[in-house]
N, C-alpha and C. Protein backbone atom coordinates (compact mmCIF):
# COMPACT_ATOMS: atom_id res chain seq x y z
N UNK A 1 19.80 8.41 -13.23
CA UNK A 1 18.46 8.83 -12.85
C UNK A 1 17.60 7.60 -12.63
N UNK A 2 16.92 7.56 -11.50
CA UNK A 2 16.08 6.43 -11.15
C UNK A 2 14.65 6.70 -11.61
N UNK A 3 14.08 5.73 -12.33
CA UNK A 3 12.69 5.84 -12.75
C UNK A 3 11.80 5.59 -11.54
N UNK A 4 10.79 6.42 -11.37
CA UNK A 4 9.85 6.24 -10.27
C UNK A 4 8.87 5.11 -10.57
N UNK A 5 8.48 4.40 -9.52
CA UNK A 5 7.51 3.33 -9.62
C UNK A 5 6.40 3.62 -8.62
N UNK A 6 5.17 3.67 -9.11
CA UNK A 6 4.01 3.93 -8.25
C UNK A 6 3.61 2.64 -7.55
N UNK A 7 3.72 2.65 -6.23
CA UNK A 7 3.52 1.44 -5.43
C UNK A 7 2.33 1.60 -4.50
N UNK A 8 1.56 0.52 -4.37
CA UNK A 8 0.47 0.45 -3.39
C UNK A 8 0.76 -0.69 -2.44
N UNK A 9 0.25 -0.56 -1.23
CA UNK A 9 0.38 -1.61 -0.22
C UNK A 9 -1.02 -2.00 0.24
N UNK A 10 -1.28 -3.28 0.24
CA UNK A 10 -2.54 -3.80 0.76
C UNK A 10 -2.23 -4.47 2.09
N UNK A 11 -2.77 -3.90 3.14
CA UNK A 11 -2.50 -4.38 4.49
C UNK A 11 -1.49 -3.46 5.16
N UNK A 12 -1.96 -2.66 6.10
CA UNK A 12 -1.08 -1.67 6.73
C UNK A 12 -0.92 -1.95 8.22
N UNK A 13 -0.90 -3.22 8.57
CA UNK A 13 -0.62 -3.61 9.94
C UNK A 13 0.88 -3.60 10.18
N UNK A 14 1.34 -4.50 11.02
CA UNK A 14 2.76 -4.53 11.39
C UNK A 14 3.68 -4.59 10.17
N UNK A 15 3.51 -5.60 9.33
CA UNK A 15 4.41 -5.77 8.18
C UNK A 15 4.18 -4.70 7.11
N UNK A 16 2.95 -4.30 6.92
CA UNK A 16 2.68 -3.24 5.96
C UNK A 16 3.39 -1.95 6.33
N UNK A 17 3.34 -1.60 7.61
CA UNK A 17 4.03 -0.39 8.07
C UNK A 17 5.53 -0.51 7.90
N UNK A 18 6.07 -1.70 8.13
CA UNK A 18 7.51 -1.92 7.92
C UNK A 18 7.87 -1.69 6.45
N UNK A 19 7.09 -2.27 5.55
CA UNK A 19 7.34 -2.07 4.12
C UNK A 19 7.22 -0.60 3.74
N UNK A 20 6.16 0.05 4.22
CA UNK A 20 5.96 1.46 3.89
C UNK A 20 7.11 2.32 4.40
N UNK A 21 7.59 2.03 5.60
CA UNK A 21 8.70 2.78 6.15
C UNK A 21 9.95 2.66 5.28
N UNK A 22 10.26 1.45 4.87
CA UNK A 22 11.45 1.25 4.03
C UNK A 22 11.25 1.84 2.63
N UNK A 23 10.08 1.64 2.05
CA UNK A 23 9.81 2.19 0.72
C UNK A 23 9.88 3.71 0.73
N UNK A 24 9.44 4.33 1.81
CA UNK A 24 9.44 5.80 1.86
C UNK A 24 10.86 6.37 1.84
N UNK A 25 11.86 5.55 2.12
CA UNK A 25 13.26 5.98 2.11
C UNK A 25 13.95 5.72 0.77
N UNK A 26 13.28 5.03 -0.14
CA UNK A 26 13.91 4.61 -1.39
C UNK A 26 13.69 5.62 -2.51
N UNK A 27 14.76 5.95 -3.20
CA UNK A 27 14.63 6.76 -4.41
C UNK A 27 13.84 5.98 -5.44
N UNK A 28 12.91 6.63 -6.05
CA UNK A 28 12.16 5.99 -7.12
C UNK A 28 10.91 5.27 -6.67
N UNK A 29 10.70 5.11 -5.38
CA UNK A 29 9.48 4.48 -4.88
C UNK A 29 8.49 5.58 -4.52
N UNK A 30 7.38 5.60 -5.22
CA UNK A 30 6.34 6.59 -4.95
C UNK A 30 5.14 5.86 -4.37
N UNK A 31 4.83 6.11 -3.11
CA UNK A 31 3.71 5.45 -2.44
C UNK A 31 2.42 6.17 -2.81
N UNK A 32 1.56 5.48 -3.54
CA UNK A 32 0.36 6.15 -4.06
C UNK A 32 -0.94 5.70 -3.43
N UNK A 33 -0.98 4.51 -2.83
CA UNK A 33 -2.24 4.04 -2.26
C UNK A 33 -1.99 2.96 -1.21
N UNK A 34 -2.90 2.92 -0.25
CA UNK A 34 -2.86 1.90 0.80
C UNK A 34 -4.29 1.45 1.09
N UNK A 35 -4.42 0.16 1.32
CA UNK A 35 -5.70 -0.39 1.75
C UNK A 35 -5.51 -1.15 3.05
N UNK A 36 -6.46 -0.96 3.96
CA UNK A 36 -6.46 -1.70 5.22
C UNK A 36 -7.86 -1.59 5.80
N UNK A 37 -8.24 -2.57 6.60
CA UNK A 37 -9.57 -2.55 7.22
C UNK A 37 -9.65 -1.61 8.41
N UNK A 38 -8.50 -1.24 8.96
CA UNK A 38 -8.46 -0.40 10.15
C UNK A 38 -8.30 1.08 9.79
N UNK A 39 -9.25 1.89 10.21
CA UNK A 39 -9.14 3.34 9.98
C UNK A 39 -7.92 3.91 10.70
N UNK A 40 -7.57 3.35 11.84
CA UNK A 40 -6.39 3.80 12.58
C UNK A 40 -5.12 3.57 11.75
N UNK A 41 -5.01 2.42 11.12
CA UNK A 41 -3.84 2.15 10.26
C UNK A 41 -3.82 3.08 9.05
N UNK A 42 -4.98 3.35 8.47
CA UNK A 42 -5.03 4.24 7.32
C UNK A 42 -4.62 5.66 7.71
N UNK A 43 -5.08 6.11 8.86
CA UNK A 43 -4.69 7.44 9.34
C UNK A 43 -3.19 7.51 9.58
N UNK A 44 -2.62 6.44 10.13
CA UNK A 44 -1.16 6.37 10.32
C UNK A 44 -0.44 6.55 8.99
N UNK A 45 -0.93 5.91 7.95
CA UNK A 45 -0.30 6.01 6.62
C UNK A 45 -0.42 7.41 6.05
N UNK A 46 -1.57 8.03 6.23
CA UNK A 46 -1.73 9.41 5.75
C UNK A 46 -0.79 10.34 6.49
N UNK A 47 -0.72 10.20 7.81
CA UNK A 47 0.06 11.11 8.64
C UNK A 47 1.56 10.90 8.51
N UNK A 48 1.99 9.65 8.42
CA UNK A 48 3.43 9.36 8.46
C UNK A 48 4.09 9.19 7.10
N UNK A 49 3.30 8.84 6.09
CA UNK A 49 3.90 8.58 4.78
C UNK A 49 3.31 9.48 3.68
N UNK A 50 2.38 10.35 4.04
CA UNK A 50 1.80 11.28 3.08
C UNK A 50 0.98 10.64 1.98
N UNK A 51 0.45 9.47 2.25
CA UNK A 51 -0.34 8.76 1.24
C UNK A 51 -1.75 9.33 1.25
N UNK A 52 -2.16 9.85 0.11
CA UNK A 52 -3.47 10.50 0.03
C UNK A 52 -4.59 9.52 -0.25
N UNK A 53 -4.33 8.51 -1.04
CA UNK A 53 -5.38 7.54 -1.37
C UNK A 53 -5.31 6.36 -0.40
N UNK A 54 -6.27 6.34 0.51
CA UNK A 54 -6.38 5.22 1.44
C UNK A 54 -7.81 4.71 1.38
N UNK A 55 -7.97 3.41 1.53
CA UNK A 55 -9.29 2.80 1.42
C UNK A 55 -9.36 1.53 2.24
N UNK A 56 -10.56 1.18 2.64
CA UNK A 56 -10.80 -0.09 3.32
C UNK A 56 -11.11 -1.20 2.31
N UNK A 57 -11.25 -0.81 1.05
CA UNK A 57 -11.66 -1.72 -0.01
C UNK A 57 -10.49 -1.98 -0.97
N UNK A 58 -9.78 -3.10 -0.79
CA UNK A 58 -8.57 -3.33 -1.58
C UNK A 58 -8.80 -3.37 -3.09
N UNK A 59 -9.98 -3.79 -3.61
CA UNK A 59 -10.15 -3.73 -5.07
C UNK A 59 -10.01 -2.32 -5.64
N UNK A 60 -10.28 -1.30 -4.82
CA UNK A 60 -10.07 0.09 -5.28
C UNK A 60 -8.60 0.33 -5.61
N UNK A 61 -7.72 -0.25 -4.82
CA UNK A 61 -6.28 -0.13 -5.07
C UNK A 61 -5.91 -0.86 -6.36
N UNK A 62 -6.44 -2.06 -6.52
CA UNK A 62 -6.11 -2.87 -7.69
C UNK A 62 -6.61 -2.24 -8.99
N UNK A 63 -7.69 -1.48 -8.92
CA UNK A 63 -8.24 -0.87 -10.13
C UNK A 63 -7.70 0.53 -10.38
N UNK A 64 -6.86 1.03 -9.52
CA UNK A 64 -6.29 2.36 -9.67
C UNK A 64 -5.28 2.36 -10.81
N UNK A 65 -5.53 3.13 -11.87
CA UNK A 65 -4.62 3.12 -13.02
C UNK A 65 -3.23 3.68 -12.72
N UNK A 66 -3.07 4.42 -11.62
CA UNK A 66 -1.75 4.95 -11.26
C UNK A 66 -0.84 3.87 -10.68
N UNK A 67 -1.42 2.82 -10.11
CA UNK A 67 -0.65 1.80 -9.41
C UNK A 67 0.07 0.90 -10.41
N UNK A 68 1.39 0.81 -10.25
CA UNK A 68 2.21 -0.04 -11.13
C UNK A 68 2.69 -1.31 -10.44
N UNK A 69 2.70 -1.30 -9.11
CA UNK A 69 3.15 -2.47 -8.34
C UNK A 69 2.37 -2.50 -7.03
N UNK A 70 2.08 -3.71 -6.57
CA UNK A 70 1.33 -3.88 -5.32
C UNK A 70 2.12 -4.82 -4.40
N UNK A 71 2.23 -4.43 -3.15
CA UNK A 71 2.82 -5.29 -2.14
C UNK A 71 1.68 -5.75 -1.23
N UNK A 72 1.52 -7.06 -1.13
CA UNK A 72 0.45 -7.62 -0.32
C UNK A 72 0.99 -7.93 1.07
N UNK A 73 0.47 -7.20 2.04
CA UNK A 73 0.87 -7.39 3.44
C UNK A 73 -0.33 -7.73 4.31
N UNK A 74 -1.39 -8.17 3.68
CA UNK A 74 -2.58 -8.59 4.43
C UNK A 74 -2.28 -9.90 5.13
N UNK A 75 -3.21 -10.35 5.97
CA UNK A 75 -2.98 -11.62 6.66
C UNK A 75 -2.85 -12.77 5.65
N UNK A 76 -2.16 -13.80 6.07
CA UNK A 76 -1.81 -14.90 5.16
C UNK A 76 -3.02 -15.52 4.47
N UNK A 77 -4.13 -15.61 5.16
CA UNK A 77 -5.32 -16.23 4.58
C UNK A 77 -5.86 -15.44 3.38
N UNK A 78 -5.52 -14.17 3.29
CA UNK A 78 -6.04 -13.33 2.20
C UNK A 78 -5.09 -13.20 1.01
N UNK A 79 -3.86 -13.63 1.15
CA UNK A 79 -2.87 -13.43 0.08
C UNK A 79 -3.34 -14.00 -1.26
N UNK A 80 -3.80 -15.23 -1.27
CA UNK A 80 -4.20 -15.87 -2.52
C UNK A 80 -5.33 -15.09 -3.20
N UNK A 81 -6.36 -14.77 -2.43
CA UNK A 81 -7.52 -14.08 -3.02
C UNK A 81 -7.13 -12.72 -3.57
N UNK A 82 -6.32 -11.97 -2.83
CA UNK A 82 -5.91 -10.64 -3.30
C UNK A 82 -5.07 -10.78 -4.57
N UNK A 83 -4.13 -11.69 -4.57
CA UNK A 83 -3.27 -11.88 -5.76
C UNK A 83 -4.10 -12.35 -6.96
N UNK A 84 -5.08 -13.18 -6.71
CA UNK A 84 -5.95 -13.67 -7.79
C UNK A 84 -6.78 -12.53 -8.38
N UNK A 85 -7.25 -11.63 -7.50
CA UNK A 85 -8.08 -10.50 -7.96
C UNK A 85 -7.24 -9.54 -8.80
């Protein structure tokens, strides 16, 4: 039996969508939240991956008590700040 892990993705552009697509196929990966600045990308995540919690404000994802792991797929310039937060 595989233990489920609640995962969030910050950045739902090209690489974020790739990660979400692969994670959605994995046993034990539960996609619980996504953050992106683009409403179009957030709608894609809701429609294609069934993610209910979407936000343009990534700190909301980081403060979500359900989230156990975060994958940072934002642009390279933001990686350090997001990881630091």
